[in-house]
Structure formats: structure tokens, C-alpha cells
Protein backbone atom coordinates (compact mmCIF):
# COMPACT_ATOMS: atom_id res chain seq x y z
CA MET A 1 -0.05 0.06 -0.10
CA LEU A 2 1.32 3.48 -0.79
CA GLU A 3 1.30 6.55 1.70
CA THR A 4 -1.36 8.15 -0.95
CA ASP A 5 -3.65 5.22 -0.47
CA LYS A 6 -4.82 6.60 3.09
CA ILE A 7 -5.36 10.54 2.58
CA PHE A 8 -9.18 10.55 2.12
CA ALA A 9 -9.71 14.50 1.93
CA GLY A 10 -11.40 17.05 0.04
CA SER A 11 -14.55 15.94 -1.59
CA VAL A 12 -13.78 12.60 -1.36
CA PRO A 13 -15.47 11.82 1.86
CA GLU A 14 -18.92 13.24 0.56
CA ASN A 15 -18.41 11.55 -2.61
CA TYR A 16 -17.69 8.08 -0.93
CA ASP A 17 -20.74 8.38 1.23
CA ARG A 18 -23.07 9.79 -1.33
CA TYR A 19 -22.45 6.89 -4.14
CA MET A 20 -19.80 4.11 -2.66
CA VAL A 21 -21.97 3.46 0.22
CA PRO A 22 -25.10 2.76 -1.23
CA LEU A 23 -23.33 1.02 -4.28
CA ILE A 24 -21.19 -1.37 -2.47
CA PHE A 25 -21.06 -0.90 1.38
CA GLU A 26 -24.59 -1.06 2.54
CA PRO A 27 -25.53 -4.73 2.43
CA TYR A 28 -22.34 -5.52 4.08
CA ALA A 29 -22.86 -2.87 6.83
CA ALA A 30 -26.12 -4.16 7.64
CA ASP A 31 -24.52 -7.93 7.68
CA LEU A 32 -21.97 -6.74 10.35
CA ALA A 33 -24.30 -4.81 12.30
CA ARG A 34 -26.48 -7.97 12.81
CA ARG A 35 -23.54 -10.12 13.75
CA ALA A 36 -22.30 -7.59 16.04
CA ALA A 37 -25.72 -7.05 17.59
CA SER A 38 -26.68 -10.52 17.99
CA PHE A 39 -23.67 -10.96 20.94
CA SER A 40 -25.63 -8.28 23.05
CA PRO A 41 -22.48 -6.00 23.50
CA GLY A 42 -22.51 -3.77 26.45
CA ALA A 43 -19.44 -1.86 25.23
CA VAL A 44 -18.50 -1.74 21.34
CA LEU A 45 -15.55 -0.19 19.52
CA GLU A 46 -15.54 0.42 15.92
CA THR A 47 -12.29 1.29 14.21
CA ALA A 48 -11.83 2.68 10.49
CA ALA A 49 -15.16 3.56 10.71
CA GLY A 50 -15.07 5.60 7.76
CA THR A 51 -18.32 7.98 6.87
CA GLY A 52 -20.29 5.80 9.34
CA VAL A 53 -22.34 3.46 7.36
CA VAL A 54 -22.10 0.64 10.19
CA THR A 55 -22.34 3.17 12.89
CA ARG A 56 -25.75 4.03 11.45
CA ALA A 57 -26.72 0.39 10.92
CA LEU A 58 -25.68 -0.72 14.60
CA ALA A 59 -26.33 1.91 16.80
CA PRO A 60 -30.27 1.28 16.50
CA LYS A 61 -29.57 -2.47 17.31
CA LEU A 62 -27.66 -1.87 20.60
CA SER A 63 -29.40 -1.81 23.97
CA PRO A 64 -30.04 1.67 25.59
CA ASP A 65 -27.26 1.32 28.03
CA ALA A 66 -24.67 0.39 25.61
CA SER A 67 -21.48 2.44 24.95
CA TYR A 68 -20.49 2.63 21.58
CA VAL A 69 -16.87 4.04 20.48
CA VAL A 70 -16.56 4.91 16.93
CA THR A 71 -12.97 5.85 15.68
CA ASP A 72 -11.12 6.44 12.71
CA LEU A 73 -7.64 7.57 11.44
CA ASN A 74 -8.89 10.10 9.15
CA GLN A 75 -10.49 13.27 10.73
CA PRO A 76 -12.20 14.28 7.72
CA MET A 77 -14.16 11.11 7.13
CA LEU A 78 -14.87 11.03 11.19
CA ASP A 79 -16.22 14.31 11.05
CA HIS A 80 -18.47 13.44 7.99
CA ALA A 81 -19.83 10.04 9.74
CA ALA A 82 -20.60 12.28 13.00
CA SER A 83 -22.49 14.61 10.81
CA ARG A 84 -24.92 11.81 9.41
CA GLN A 85 -25.42 10.64 12.69
CA GLY A 86 -28.36 11.54 15.07
CA ALA A 87 -27.88 12.76 18.65
CA ASP A 88 -26.92 9.68 20.57
CA ALA A 89 -25.64 9.61 23.95
CA ARG A 90 -24.28 6.33 23.79
CA ILE A 91 -21.95 7.12 21.01
CA GLN A 92 -18.14 8.79 21.60
CA TRP A 93 -16.43 9.93 18.74
CA ARG A 94 -12.50 9.58 18.38
CA GLN A 95 -9.95 10.08 16.28
CA ALA A 96 -7.67 6.84 16.96
CA ASP A 97 -5.06 4.83 15.06
CA ALA A 98 -6.13 1.23 14.86
CA LEU A 99 -2.51 0.18 15.37
CA ALA A 100 -2.16 2.15 18.83
CA LEU A 101 -5.69 2.29 20.45
CA PRO A 102 -5.97 4.61 23.38
CA PHE A 103 -8.19 2.40 25.44
CA ASP A 104 -7.76 0.16 28.15
CA ASP A 105 -7.04 -3.43 28.03
CA ALA A 106 -10.46 -5.86 28.06
CA ALA A 107 -12.57 -2.86 27.80
CA PHE A 108 -14.78 -3.91 25.00
CA ASP A 109 -17.26 -6.78 24.23
CA VAL A 110 -17.10 -6.19 20.62
CA VAL A 111 -14.84 -4.44 18.03
CA CYS A 112 -15.98 -4.16 14.32
CA CYS A 113 -13.97 -2.68 11.45
CA GLN A 114 -15.70 -2.58 8.05
CA PHE A 115 -13.59 -2.90 5.07
CA GLY A 116 -10.79 -1.24 7.32
CA ALA A 117 -8.10 -3.91 7.60
CA MET A 118 -6.78 -3.65 4.16
CA PHE A 119 -5.65 -0.16 4.87
CA PHE A 120 -3.61 -0.90 8.15
CA PRO A 121 0.07 -0.38 7.41
CA SER A 122 0.76 -3.27 9.98
CA ARG A 123 -2.63 -6.07 10.37
CA VAL A 124 -0.97 -8.13 12.90
CA SER A 125 -0.42 -4.94 14.77
CA ALA A 126 -3.84 -3.72 14.44
CA TYR A 127 -5.11 -7.22 15.06
CA ARG A 128 -3.07 -7.30 18.47
CA GLU A 129 -4.57 -4.06 19.66
CA ALA A 130 -8.25 -5.16 18.66
CA ARG A 131 -7.62 -8.34 20.97
CA ARG A 132 -5.87 -6.60 23.75
CA VAL A 133 -8.89 -4.18 24.20
CA LEU A 134 -11.34 -7.18 23.93
CA LYS A 135 -12.73 -8.57 27.22
CA PRO A 136 -12.16 -12.35 27.21
CA GLY A 137 -14.18 -14.15 24.74
CA GLY A 138 -15.14 -10.98 23.16
CA ARG A 139 -15.39 -10.76 19.29
CA PHE A 140 -13.67 -9.11 16.34
CA LEU A 141 -15.47 -8.55 13.65
CA PHE A 142 -14.59 -7.28 10.18
CA ASN A 143 -14.75 -7.75 6.59
CA VAL A 144 -12.40 -7.37 3.77
CA TRP A 145 -13.09 -7.59 -0.41
CA ASP A 146 -12.49 -10.54 -2.22
CA ARG A 147 -10.25 -10.51 -5.04
CA ILE A 148 -11.06 -7.78 -7.83
CA GLU A 149 -12.12 -9.97 -10.37
CA GLU A 150 -15.05 -11.08 -7.90
CA ASN A 151 -16.00 -7.36 -7.73
CA VAL A 152 -17.32 -6.78 -11.49
CA PHE A 153 -17.75 -2.95 -11.34
CA ALA A 154 -14.05 -2.37 -9.81
CA ASP A 155 -12.62 -4.55 -12.40
CA ASP A 156 -14.25 -2.93 -15.01
CA VAL A 157 -13.18 0.78 -13.84
CA THR A 158 -9.64 -0.60 -13.31
CA ASN A 159 -9.26 -2.03 -16.81
CA ALA A 160 -11.12 1.02 -18.39
CA LEU A 161 -8.09 3.42 -16.81
CA ALA A 162 -5.48 1.24 -17.80
CA SER A 163 -6.64 1.94 -21.27
CA ILE A 164 -6.33 5.61 -20.72
CA PHE A 165 -3.16 5.58 -18.99
CA PRO A 166 -1.14 2.38 -20.56
CA GLY A 167 2.21 3.51 -19.35
CA ASP A 168 1.55 3.87 -15.86
CA PRO A 169 -2.00 2.39 -14.95
CA PRO A 170 -3.74 3.41 -11.86
CA ARG A 171 -4.24 0.20 -9.68
CA PHE A 172 -5.28 1.49 -6.40
CA LEU A 173 -8.57 -0.68 -6.39
CA ALA A 174 -6.55 -3.99 -6.89
CA ARG A 175 -3.78 -3.11 -4.88
CA THR A 176 -5.30 -1.75 -1.46
CA PRO A 177 -8.97 -2.44 -1.23
CA HIS A 178 -8.86 -5.60 -3.46
CA GLY A 179 -5.37 -6.55 -2.09
CA TYR A 180 -5.92 -8.58 0.76
CA HIS A 181 -8.08 -11.25 0.08
CA ASP A 182 -6.06 -14.52 0.87
CA THR A 183 -8.19 -16.20 3.78
CA ALA A 184 -5.32 -18.38 4.73
CA LEU A 185 -3.07 -15.10 5.19
CA ILE A 186 -6.00 -13.63 7.14
CA ARG A 187 -6.15 -16.72 9.44
CA GLY A 188 -2.47 -16.77 9.99
CA GLU A 189 -2.22 -12.99 10.78
CA LEU A 190 -5.30 -13.54 13.24
CA GLN A 191 -3.25 -16.11 14.78
CA ASP A 192 0.07 -14.41 15.15
CA ALA A 193 -1.78 -11.91 16.88
CA GLY A 194 -3.41 -14.10 19.62
CA PHE A 195 -6.50 -15.06 18.05
CA SER A 196 -7.13 -19.09 18.04
CA ASP A 197 -10.65 -19.42 16.74
CA THR A 198 -11.78 -17.40 13.64
CA ALA A 199 -14.29 -18.10 11.13
CA ILE A 200 -14.65 -16.79 7.81
CA GLU A 201 -17.47 -16.74 5.45
CA THR A 202 -17.31 -15.62 1.89
CA ARG A 203 -20.43 -13.55 1.15
CA ALA A 204 -21.56 -12.43 -1.97
CA GLU A 205 -24.23 -9.49 -2.96
CA GLN A 206 -25.16 -7.50 -5.77
CA SER A 207 -24.20 -3.85 -6.45
CA ARG A 208 -27.01 -1.79 -8.10
CA ALA A 209 -26.95 1.75 -9.68
CA ALA A 210 -29.74 3.56 -11.58
CA SER A 211 -27.27 4.04 -14.59
CA PRO A 212 -23.35 3.45 -15.36
CA ARG A 213 -22.58 7.11 -14.50
CA ILE A 214 -23.00 6.36 -10.67
CA PRO A 215 -20.31 3.33 -10.30
CA ALA A 216 -18.08 5.29 -12.56
CA VAL A 217 -18.25 8.59 -10.29
CA ALA A 218 -18.19 6.18 -7.30
CA TYR A 219 -14.85 4.70 -7.88
CA CYS A 220 -13.41 7.44 -9.94
CA GLN A 221 -14.14 10.36 -7.46
CA GLY A 222 -15.41 8.70 -4.32
CA THR A 223 -12.36 6.63 -3.42
CA LEU A 224 -8.48 7.20 -3.59
CA LEU A 225 -8.46 6.25 -7.31
CA ARG A 226 -9.06 9.85 -7.95
CA ASN A 227 -5.53 10.54 -6.25
CA GLU A 228 -4.04 8.36 -8.86
CA ILE A 229 -5.81 9.80 -11.68
CA GLU A 230 -5.48 13.50 -11.06
CA ALA A 231 -1.51 12.41 -10.09
CA ARG A 232 -1.18 11.16 -13.48
CA ASP A 233 -3.10 14.20 -15.34
CA ALA A 234 -4.83 16.60 -13.34
CA VAL A 235 -7.35 17.55 -16.01
CA LYS A 236 -8.27 13.89 -16.91
CA LEU A 237 -10.50 13.30 -13.91
CA ARG A 238 -14.07 13.92 -15.95
CA ALA A 239 -12.50 12.54 -19.05
CA ALA A 240 -11.33 9.17 -16.95
CA THR A 241 -14.87 8.91 -15.62
CA ASP A 242 -16.73 9.36 -18.78
CA TYR A 243 -14.22 6.59 -20.04
CA ALA A 244 -15.30 4.33 -16.88
CA GLU A 245 -18.99 5.10 -17.65
CA ALA A 246 -18.73 4.23 -20.92
CA ALA A 247 -17.03 0.87 -20.46
CA ILE A 248 -19.42 -0.12 -17.81
CA ALA A 249 -22.49 0.90 -20.10
CA ASP A 250 -20.62 -1.50 -22.84
CA ARG A 251 -20.86 -4.41 -20.74
CA HIS A 252 -23.87 -3.71 -18.61
CA GLY A 253 -26.30 -1.67 -20.55
CA SER A 254 -26.88 2.08 -20.66
CA GLY A 255 -30.13 1.70 -18.00
CA ALA A 256 -30.05 0.49 -14.34
CA VAL A 257 -26.91 -1.83 -14.07
CA ALA A 258 -26.06 -4.58 -11.19
CA ALA A 259 -23.20 -6.73 -10.99
CA LYS A 260 -21.42 -8.89 -8.34
CA ILE A 261 -19.73 -8.00 -5.28
CA GLN A 262 -17.93 -10.37 -2.92
CA ALA A 263 -16.56 -10.00 0.46
CA HIS A 264 -14.68 -12.41 3.28
CA VAL A 265 -16.57 -11.74 6.55
CA ILE A 266 -14.46 -12.77 9.64
CA VAL A 267 -15.47 -13.27 13.45
CA ALA A 268 -12.36 -14.14 15.94
CA VAL A 269 -12.78 -14.77 19.26
CA ALA A 270 -10.52 -13.28 21.78
């Protein structure tokens, strides 16, 4: 992962929440929230919360006396998440690094993280921190995207941009969001972090949009792929988005579009 793969700033958080969340994140957020709530936790920590899609799904499912600490390394993303959440005394917003959590040992019943592990500079360190702050028997729930070929719109956009920038194709989507899909590696890193009981489920969903324009804008302007496009040619962002739209339309049609997305959902017991 490159250092630029962590810089969510400018209009990226807004576009991410407007386009990416309904396109690919909402079904997995609902799934993660359901799983977390099934353990009836009294204290929950969320790391790498992004724009708060899991927070919005999970908070209504928690008991009135539960505590919910929502964290992200990136303050603009966290600010956007807080702005989307209604007033709730149970929720505390904290900027925090998942690799060095500012919380006591054995403080939480559940730690959850939606599509954040791929961005951790050291996943084993982040997993050790999750285990440290979990109570004995507590659960660490997270998900990661499967390989890019199982996530059709992301693959379509990546291939389209390779045609525009053949000498230096933007590979952010394949490199980072879809770069941590080896389940044996995931199990091994969790074991290295001290988790001995791990279950992994591969879950397919459908990504749906009213037009090919939506996934094109979502990926090209609502993810850090935007940084890679602008680094190559700052004036080509719109042209790149248009080209991605045309590629999606050519494959899936010019009206409402749908395509497969797939992720691994992991539950590890402390």
C-alpha cells in the first residue's frame, strides 16, 4: 500500500458517502451490524469507521445502556460520519489509530471494522490491538473485499483506466481495497496476533445503480483512485470518469446496472 492510499480529503468523503456507500457498502454494513448485535454487547468499539455506514446500522440495534466508541484515523471521514448520525449519548467519536488504540485492556465486548483492514500498515499490529482491548471471549468482527475479479464494477473501472493510462495504469483498487483477499493469510495473521478461534465466510452481494454513471463516479471520484488519476493528469478526471462510464455501459447496458460484489466476513474470538 502506498502512503497516498490513506489520504481521504477534499470531496472524497462526500462522494464516498453519496456514491460508494449505497453502491457496495450498505449490504455488508447491515450484515456486520446484525452479527455484532447478536452478541448483545455492552461496550462496542468500531475502528476505521469511515463515513459511518456501520455506525448508522448498528447503533439502533444496541441496548439503551450500551456504549459505542467510533474511531477513524482520518478526521475528515470521522467528521462526516458524525454529521450523518443523529444525537445519541451512547456514541463517542474519537480520532484513533487502530495500530495504537488509546483504550484500556479488556474494555470492549465487540470490536468491529468494515473494510478497513486492507489499509492498515501492519495488520498483525492492528489485530493485536483489537485483541488487547477485547474482554476474554469478546469478538472481533471485520470484513475485507475478495479479489478484484469477483467485484465486477471495480474490475471494469480498473481495466478502463488502464486503456487511458497504458504506461502507468492506476492500480489503487486492485492494490489496496482488493489486495487482501487470501483467507489463509488472514487466518495466519490473526493467529500471530493471538486469536485462536476464527471463522471466515465468503459472502456475495449485488451492486446496483440507476445508471452506469453512478459506479463510474463512485470509483473514480469517491475513492482514492481519484488521487491516482489526478496525479497522472489533473485535467483528465472527468475524461477518465466518462471513459469508465462508457466501459460499464458497454458491458452492462445504459440503463439500471447490477453486478456481483464479494467479500470475506471474519469473526475472531479473543
